[in-house]
Amino acid sequence: MEMATGGTRVTIRGEGVYDFGERLGRLKVLLPQDPAGSSERRSITELLAPGALFMKNRGAGVPADKWVRVDTATLSDGNLVTGGVTDPFAAAEVLRGTRTATYVGKTEVAGSEVRHYRGIADLGAAARGASVENKGPLAAAAKGFATAEVPFDVYLDDEGRIRKVRHRFSFANGQQKGTVAVASTTLLYDFGAPADVRLPEARDIYAGKIAEE
C-alpha cells in the first residue's frame, strides 16, 4: 500500500495467508520508517475476520502480548486502508461495484498468464452487492472516502481467479486541506496452501485505552 499527500509518500507492505472459505487471514505488516529517522521498521501481526481486524504489537500503550480488536464497520474506510493492507475478500468485493471496465490485454503475473482489465468501481454499489459481512464496511467506505469511485486494475487467470488487483482510493486529509491518495495492490498466489488462522481468546484482547500515535 502506497500513501501520498503533499510531498510525502509512505509504503506499507504485508504478507501472509488467507482462507477465502472461512474469510480468515493472518498477515505480518511492515510499517514505514519512523519520520524521526529511526532505522527500525516496526511490524504488526494482523488477523482478518468477517467484521473485525485484530492487531498485535500495535504499540500506543498496548501490552506486547495483547491483541487490539477493531470493528471494521465503524471505520470510515471500511478497513480498506486502516490496517495498512486491504482484506483480500473485501478487495474482491469492491469489484462488485464495477461501473465501467475495459479489457487491456494478456500479460503475466508471477509466471501465470492472466487477462488484464481496467475500470472504475462504485463503493456504494459494491456495498449493496456485497456479502453480509462486507455490506457495512463498504458502505462506511462509500461515505468516508473523498469519492466513492475507485479506479482499479485487475488481473484474472484462466480459472477466473484474481491474481492481482490494484485499487486507488482517496480520502480527506483530516485537519489539513487536500486529500490522501492511496494505491493498494493485492497479489494472490499459492492457491490451495494451508491457511490455519486462529482468532485470539477474549482474555488475550486488550480492553484498555489506546493512546494516539
C-alpha atoms as a PDB file:
ATOM      1  CA  MET A   1       0.000   0.000   0.000  1.00  0.00           C
ATOM      2  CA  GLU A   2       1.348   3.425  -1.001  1.00  0.00           C
ATOM      3  CA  MET A   3       0.034   6.644   0.516  1.00  0.00           C
ATOM      4  CA  ALA A   4       0.826  10.104  -0.807  1.00  0.00           C
ATOM      5  CA  THR A   5      -0.145  13.543   0.458  1.00  0.00           C
ATOM      6  CA  GLY A   6       1.612  16.780  -0.404  1.00  0.00           C
ATOM      7  CA  GLY A   7       5.265  15.884  -0.835  1.00  0.00           C
ATOM      8  CA  THR A   8       5.171  12.888   1.486  1.00  0.00           C
ATOM      9  CA  ARG A   9       4.907   9.272   0.327  1.00  0.00           C
ATOM     10  CA  VAL A  10       4.949   6.179   2.541  1.00  0.00           C
ATOM     11  CA  THR A  11       4.871   2.494   1.665  1.00  0.00           C
ATOM     12  CA  ILE A  12       3.447  -0.302   3.829  1.00  0.00           C
ATOM     13  CA  ARG A  13       3.952  -3.967   2.965  1.00  0.00           C
ATOM     14  CA  GLY A  14       2.187  -7.050   4.280  1.00  0.00           C
ATOM     15  CA  GLU A  15       2.415 -10.763   3.548  1.00  0.00           C
ATOM     16  CA  GLY A  16       0.635 -13.820   4.887  1.00  0.00           C
ATOM     17  CA  VAL A  17      -2.103 -16.373   4.284  1.00  0.00           C
ATOM     18  CA  TYR A  18      -5.818 -16.069   3.625  1.00  0.00           C
ATOM     19  CA  ASP A  19      -8.641 -18.616   3.746  1.00  0.00           C
ATOM     20  CA  PHE A  20     -11.374 -17.491   1.330  1.00  0.00           C
ATOM     21  CA  GLY A  21     -13.734 -20.223   2.562  1.00  0.00           C
ATOM     22  CA  GLU A  22     -13.646 -19.081   6.188  1.00  0.00           C
ATOM     23  CA  ARG A  23     -12.740 -15.470   5.312  1.00  0.00           C
ATOM     24  CA  LEU A  24      -9.886 -15.515   7.803  1.00  0.00           C
ATOM     25  CA  GLY A  25      -6.371 -14.218   7.248  1.00  0.00           C
ATOM     26  CA  ARG A  26      -3.083 -13.709   9.059  1.00  0.00           C
ATOM     27  CA  LEU A  27      -0.627 -11.070   7.887  1.00  0.00           C
ATOM     28  CA  LYS A  28       2.662  -9.591   9.015  1.00  0.00           C
ATOM     29  CA  VAL A  29       2.586  -5.901   8.160  1.00  0.00           C
ATOM     30  CA  LEU A  30       5.795  -3.875   7.989  1.00  0.00           C
ATOM     31  CA  LEU A  31       5.208  -0.228   8.851  1.00  0.00           C
ATOM     32  CA  PRO A  32       7.149   2.620   7.215  1.00  0.00           C
ATOM     33  CA  GLN A  33      10.268   4.069   8.792  1.00  0.00           C
ATOM     34  CA  ASP A  34       9.670   6.449  11.687  1.00  0.00           C
ATOM     35  CA  PRO A  35       9.671  10.114  10.483  1.00  0.00           C
ATOM     36  CA  ALA A  36      12.090  10.904  13.319  1.00  0.00           C
ATOM     37  CA  GLY A  37      14.713   8.878  11.470  1.00  0.00           C
ATOM     38  CA  SER A  38      14.716   5.589  13.354  1.00  0.00           C
ATOM     39  CA  SER A  39      16.141   2.862  11.129  1.00  0.00           C
ATOM     40  CA  GLU A  40      13.931   0.175  12.712  1.00  0.00           C
ATOM     41  CA  ARG A  41      10.670  -0.587  10.942  1.00  0.00           C
ATOM     42  CA  ARG A  42       8.073  -1.980  13.339  1.00  0.00           C
ATOM     43  CA  SER A  43       5.990  -4.952  12.235  1.00  0.00           C
ATOM     44  CA  ILE A  44       2.417  -5.681  13.300  1.00  0.00           C
ATOM     45  CA  THR A  45       0.693  -9.053  13.176  1.00  0.00           C
ATOM     46  CA  GLU A  46      -2.850  -8.725  11.884  1.00  0.00           C
ATOM     47  CA  LEU A  47      -5.713 -11.204  11.835  1.00  0.00           C
ATOM     48  CA  LEU A  48      -8.536 -10.597   9.372  1.00  0.00           C
ATOM     49  CA  ALA A  49     -12.026 -11.889  10.124  1.00  0.00           C
ATOM     50  CA  PRO A  50     -15.577 -11.069   8.989  1.00  0.00           C
ATOM     51  CA  GLY A  51     -16.367  -7.675  10.501  1.00  0.00           C
ATOM     52  CA  ALA A  52     -13.200  -7.471  12.590  1.00  0.00           C
ATOM     53  CA  LEU A  53      -9.496  -6.623  12.480  1.00  0.00           C
ATOM     54  CA  PHE A  54      -7.145  -7.882  15.210  1.00  0.00           C
ATOM     55  CA  MET A  55      -3.702  -6.300  15.658  1.00  0.00           C
ATOM     56  CA  LYS A  56      -0.766  -7.407  17.811  1.00  0.00           C
ATOM     57  CA  ASN A  57       2.296  -5.268  18.596  1.00  0.00           C
ATOM     58  CA  ARG A  58       0.031  -2.301  17.963  1.00  0.00           C
ATOM     59  CA  GLY A  59       2.054  -0.063  20.276  1.00  0.00           C
ATOM     60  CA  ALA A  60       0.331   3.031  21.695  1.00  0.00           C
ATOM     61  CA  GLY A  61       0.393   1.643  25.229  1.00  0.00           C
ATOM     62  CA  VAL A  62      -0.936  -1.824  24.364  1.00  0.00           C
ATOM     63  CA  PRO A  63       0.939  -4.690  26.110  1.00  0.00           C
ATOM     64  CA  ALA A  64       3.079  -6.678  23.665  1.00  0.00           C
ATOM     65  CA  ASP A  65       1.219  -9.925  24.363  1.00  0.00           C
ATOM     66  CA  LYS A  66      -2.266  -8.469  23.804  1.00  0.00           C
ATOM     67  CA  TRP A  67      -4.421  -8.040  20.707  1.00  0.00           C
ATOM     68  CA  VAL A  68      -6.446  -4.968  19.743  1.00  0.00           C
ATOM     69  CA  ARG A  69      -9.828  -5.693  18.138  1.00  0.00           C
ATOM     70  CA  VAL A  70     -11.420  -3.194  15.748  1.00  0.00           C
ATOM     71  CA  ASP A  71     -14.971  -3.445  14.391  1.00  0.00           C
ATOM     72  CA  THR A  72     -14.418  -2.748  10.680  1.00  0.00           C
ATOM     73  CA  ALA A  73     -17.946  -1.391  10.186  1.00  0.00           C
ATOM     74  CA  THR A  74     -17.021   1.513  12.498  1.00  0.00           C
ATOM     75  CA  LEU A  75     -14.057   2.561  10.348  1.00  0.00           C
ATOM     76  CA  SER A  76     -14.635   5.390   7.876  1.00  0.00           C
ATOM     77  CA  ASP A  77     -12.661   3.473   5.252  1.00  0.00           C
ATOM     78  CA  GLY A  78     -14.227   0.069   5.993  1.00  0.00           C
ATOM     79  CA  ASN A  79     -10.725  -1.304   6.696  1.00  0.00           C
ATOM     80  CA  LEU A  80      -9.729  -0.928   3.064  1.00  0.00           C
ATOM     81  CA  VAL A  81      -6.862   1.271   4.294  1.00  0.00           C
ATOM     82  CA  THR A  82      -6.709   1.329   8.119  1.00  0.00           C
ATOM     83  CA  GLY A  83      -4.809  -1.940   8.559  1.00  0.00           C
ATOM     84  CA  GLY A  84      -2.118  -0.881   6.107  1.00  0.00           C
ATOM     85  CA  VAL A  85      -3.307  -3.667   3.814  1.00  0.00           C
ATOM     86  CA  THR A  86      -6.633  -4.401   2.135  1.00  0.00           C
ATOM     87  CA  ASP A  87      -8.535  -7.505   3.212  1.00  0.00           C
ATOM     88  CA  PRO A  88      -8.311  -9.816   0.140  1.00  0.00           C
ATOM     89  CA  PHE A  89     -12.013 -10.690   0.268  1.00  0.00           C
ATOM     90  CA  ALA A  90     -13.012  -7.017   0.565  1.00  0.00           C
ATOM     91  CA  ALA A  91     -10.647  -6.187  -2.293  1.00  0.00           C
ATOM     92  CA  ALA A  92     -12.545  -8.648  -4.472  1.00  0.00           C
ATOM     93  CA  GLU A  93     -15.951  -7.403  -3.333  1.00  0.00           C
ATOM     94  CA  VAL A  94     -15.112  -3.833  -4.335  1.00  0.00           C
ATOM     95  CA  LEU A  95     -15.272  -5.144  -7.907  1.00  0.00           C
ATOM     96  CA  ARG A  96     -18.984  -5.927  -7.411  1.00  0.00           C
ATOM     97  CA  GLY A  97     -19.493  -2.192  -7.855  1.00  0.00           C
ATOM     98  CA  THR A  98     -17.837  -2.087 -11.285  1.00  0.00           C
ATOM     99  CA  ARG A  99     -19.380   0.647 -13.439  1.00  0.00           C
ATOM    100  CA  THR A 100     -17.017   0.536 -16.405  1.00  0.00           C
ATOM    101  CA  ALA A 101     -14.324  -1.950 -17.405  1.00  0.00           C
ATOM    102  CA  THR A 102     -12.028  -2.283 -20.388  1.00  0.00           C
ATOM    103  CA  TYR A 103     -10.021  -5.299 -21.484  1.00  0.00           C
ATOM    104  CA  VAL A 104      -6.371  -4.223 -21.698  1.00  0.00           C
ATOM    105  CA  GLY A 105      -4.809  -7.472 -22.887  1.00  0.00           C
ATOM    106  CA  LYS A 106      -2.910 -10.565 -21.814  1.00  0.00           C
ATOM    107  CA  THR A 107       0.169 -10.432 -19.612  1.00  0.00           C
ATOM    108  CA  GLU A 108       1.887 -12.441 -16.863  1.00  0.00           C
ATOM    109  CA  VAL A 109       1.672 -12.241 -13.073  1.00  0.00           C
ATOM    110  CA  ALA A 110       4.035 -14.396 -11.016  1.00  0.00           C
ATOM    111  CA  GLY A 111       4.655 -16.651 -14.012  1.00  0.00           C
ATOM    112  CA  SER A 112       0.967 -17.213 -14.825  1.00  0.00           C
ATOM    113  CA  GLU A 113      -0.803 -15.908 -17.911  1.00  0.00           C
ATOM    114  CA  VAL A 114      -3.587 -13.504 -16.965  1.00  0.00           C
ATOM    115  CA  ARG A 115      -6.093 -11.159 -18.545  1.00  0.00           C
ATOM    116  CA  HIS A 116      -5.782  -7.512 -17.524  1.00  0.00           C
ATOM    117  CA  TYR A 117      -8.890  -5.353 -17.075  1.00  0.00           C
ATOM    118  CA  ARG A 118      -9.046  -1.678 -16.092  1.00  0.00           C
ATOM    119  CA  GLY A 119     -12.114   0.103 -14.821  1.00  0.00           C
ATOM    120  CA  ILE A 120     -13.931   2.107 -12.158  1.00  0.00           C
ATOM    121  CA  ALA A 121     -15.986   0.691  -9.289  1.00  0.00           C
ATOM    122  CA  ASP A 122     -18.522   2.473  -7.101  1.00  0.00           C
ATOM    123  CA  LEU A 123     -18.272   1.646  -3.386  1.00  0.00           C
ATOM    124  CA  GLY A 124     -21.970   2.262  -2.776  1.00  0.00           C
ATOM    125  CA  ALA A 125     -22.925  -0.242  -5.465  1.00  0.00           C
ATOM    126  CA  ALA A 126     -20.284  -2.647  -4.173  1.00  0.00           C
ATOM    127  CA  ALA A 127     -21.806  -2.463  -0.673  1.00  0.00           C
ATOM    128  CA  ARG A 128     -25.268  -3.259  -1.997  1.00  0.00           C
ATOM    129  CA  GLY A 129     -23.990  -6.344  -3.811  1.00  0.00           C
ATOM    130  CA  ALA A 130     -21.519  -7.489  -1.165  1.00  0.00           C
ATOM    131  CA  SER A 131     -21.702 -10.378   1.281  1.00  0.00           C
ATOM    132  CA  VAL A 132     -23.438  -9.697   4.595  1.00  0.00           C
ATOM    133  CA  GLU A 133     -20.111  -9.236   6.403  1.00  0.00           C
ATOM    134  CA  ASN A 134     -18.833  -6.621   3.959  1.00  0.00           C
ATOM    135  CA  LYS A 135     -22.013  -4.585   3.421  1.00  0.00           C
ATOM    136  CA  GLY A 136     -21.361  -2.413   6.488  1.00  0.00           C
ATOM    137  CA  PRO A 137     -17.628  -1.800   5.941  1.00  0.00           C
ATOM    138  CA  LEU A 138     -18.030  -0.995   2.234  1.00  0.00           C
ATOM    139  CA  ALA A 139     -21.000   1.290   2.921  1.00  0.00           C
ATOM    140  CA  ALA A 140     -18.867   3.114   5.509  1.00  0.00           C
ATOM    141  CA  ALA A 141     -16.068   3.471   2.951  1.00  0.00           C
ATOM    142  CA  ALA A 142     -18.519   4.871   0.377  1.00  0.00           C
ATOM    143  CA  LYS A 143     -19.347   7.673   2.827  1.00  0.00           C
ATOM    144  CA  GLY A 144     -15.884   8.088   4.377  1.00  0.00           C
ATOM    145  CA  PHE A 145     -13.726   8.431   1.278  1.00  0.00           C
ATOM    146  CA  ALA A 146     -13.425  11.681  -0.664  1.00  0.00           C
ATOM    147  CA  THR A 147     -15.127   9.898  -3.575  1.00  0.00           C
ATOM    148  CA  ALA A 148     -16.985   6.602  -3.828  1.00  0.00           C
ATOM    149  CA  GLU A 149     -15.433   5.982  -7.249  1.00  0.00           C
ATOM    150  CA  VAL A 150     -12.460   3.621  -7.155  1.00  0.00           C
ATOM    151  CA  PRO A 151     -10.269   3.183 -10.257  1.00  0.00           C
ATOM    152  CA  PHE A 152      -8.875  -0.352 -10.442  1.00  0.00           C
ATOM    153  CA  ASP A 153      -6.709  -2.744 -12.430  1.00  0.00           C
ATOM    154  CA  VAL A 154      -7.448  -6.452 -12.044  1.00  0.00           C
ATOM    155  CA  TYR A 155      -5.660  -9.489 -13.458  1.00  0.00           C
ATOM    156  CA  LEU A 156      -7.631 -12.749 -13.815  1.00  0.00           C
ATOM    157  CA  ASP A 157      -6.254 -16.204 -14.616  1.00  0.00           C
ATOM    158  CA  ASP A 158      -7.902 -18.820 -16.857  1.00  0.00           C
ATOM    159  CA  GLU A 159      -9.987 -20.053 -13.912  1.00  0.00           C
ATOM    160  CA  GLY A 160     -11.370 -16.579 -13.257  1.00  0.00           C
ATOM    161  CA  ARG A 161      -9.375 -16.141 -10.050  1.00  0.00           C
ATOM    162  CA  ILE A 162      -7.946 -12.768  -9.103  1.00  0.00           C
ATOM    163  CA  ARG A 163      -4.158 -12.982  -9.227  1.00  0.00           C
ATOM    164  CA  LYS A 164      -3.561  -9.274  -8.733  1.00  0.00           C
ATOM    165  CA  VAL A 165      -5.776  -6.273  -8.083  1.00  0.00           C
ATOM    166  CA  ARG A 166      -4.825  -2.641  -7.610  1.00  0.00           C
ATOM    167  CA  HIS A 167      -7.257  -0.060  -6.221  1.00  0.00           C
ATOM    168  CA  ARG A 168      -6.773   3.700  -5.969  1.00  0.00           C
ATOM    169  CA  PHE A 169      -8.607   5.279  -3.043  1.00  0.00           C
ATOM    170  CA  SER A 170      -8.839   8.923  -1.996  1.00  0.00           C
ATOM    171  CA  PHE A 171      -9.832  10.342   1.378  1.00  0.00           C
ATOM    172  CA  ALA A 172      -9.806  13.711   3.160  1.00  0.00           C
ATOM    173  CA  ASN A 173      -6.608  14.613   4.970  1.00  0.00           C
ATOM    174  CA  GLY A 174      -8.054  15.283   8.445  1.00  0.00           C
ATOM    175  CA  GLN A 175      -7.218  18.764   9.701  1.00  0.00           C
ATOM    176  CA  GLN A 176      -5.175  19.620   6.620  1.00  0.00           C
ATOM    177  CA  LYS A 177      -6.591  20.682   3.294  1.00  0.00           C
ATOM    178  CA  GLY A 178      -6.454  18.300   0.369  1.00  0.00           C
ATOM    179  CA  THR A 179      -6.723  14.544   0.075  1.00  0.00           C
ATOM    180  CA  VAL A 180      -4.585  11.489   0.641  1.00  0.00           C
ATOM    181  CA  ALA A 181      -4.090   9.286  -2.407  1.00  0.00           C
ATOM    182  CA  VAL A 182      -3.792   5.574  -1.640  1.00  0.00           C
ATOM    183  CA  ALA A 183      -2.787   2.836  -4.075  1.00  0.00           C
ATOM    184  CA  SER A 184      -3.417  -0.635  -2.663  1.00  0.00           C
ATOM    185  CA  THR A 185      -2.073  -3.670  -4.545  1.00  0.00           C
ATOM    186  CA  THR A 186      -3.022  -7.236  -3.574  1.00  0.00           C
ATOM    187  CA  LEU A 187      -1.088 -10.139  -5.109  1.00  0.00           C
ATOM    188  CA  LEU A 188      -2.525 -13.645  -4.686  1.00  0.00           C
ATOM    189  CA  TYR A 189      -0.566 -16.872  -5.217  1.00  0.00           C
ATOM    190  CA  ASP A 190      -0.043 -20.419  -3.870  1.00  0.00           C
ATOM    191  CA  PHE A 191      -3.757 -21.257  -4.073  1.00  0.00           C
ATOM    192  CA  GLY A 192      -4.544 -24.375  -2.047  1.00  0.00           C
ATOM    193  CA  ALA A 193      -1.783 -23.817   0.521  1.00  0.00           C
ATOM    194  CA  PRO A 194      -2.905 -24.424   4.138  1.00  0.00           C
ATOM    195  CA  ALA A 195      -4.070 -21.315   5.999  1.00  0.00           C
ATOM    196  CA  ASP A 196      -4.592 -22.202   9.646  1.00  0.00           C
ATOM    197  CA  VAL A 197      -5.796 -18.951  11.230  1.00  0.00           C
ATOM    198  CA  ARG A 198      -6.964 -18.906  14.844  1.00  0.00           C
ATOM    199  CA  LEU A 199      -8.570 -15.847  16.369  1.00  0.00           C
ATOM    200  CA  PRO A 200      -7.460 -14.735  19.852  1.00  0.00           C
ATOM    201  CA  GLU A 201      -9.322 -15.702  23.008  1.00  0.00           C
ATOM    202  CA  ALA A 202     -11.266 -12.975  24.817  1.00  0.00           C
ATOM    203  CA  ARG A 203      -8.677 -12.924  27.618  1.00  0.00           C
ATOM    204  CA  ASP A 204      -5.959 -12.050  25.097  1.00  0.00           C
ATOM    205  CA  ILE A 205      -7.756  -8.966  23.744  1.00  0.00           C
ATOM    206  CA  TYR A 206      -6.735  -5.615  25.230  1.00  0.00           C
ATOM    207  CA  ALA A 207      -9.659  -3.750  26.783  1.00  0.00           C
ATOM    208  CA  GLY A 208      -7.840  -0.630  27.954  1.00  0.00           C
ATOM    209  CA  LYS A 209      -7.466   2.794  26.394  1.00  0.00           C
ATOM    210  CA  ILE A 210      -5.287   3.127  23.297  1.00  0.00           C
ATOM    211  CA  ALA A 211      -3.056   6.172  23.063  1.00  0.00           C
ATOM    212  CA  GLU A 212      -2.764   8.176  19.841  1.00  0.00           C
ATOM    213  CA  GLU A 213       0.420   7.602  17.865  1.00  0.00           C
END
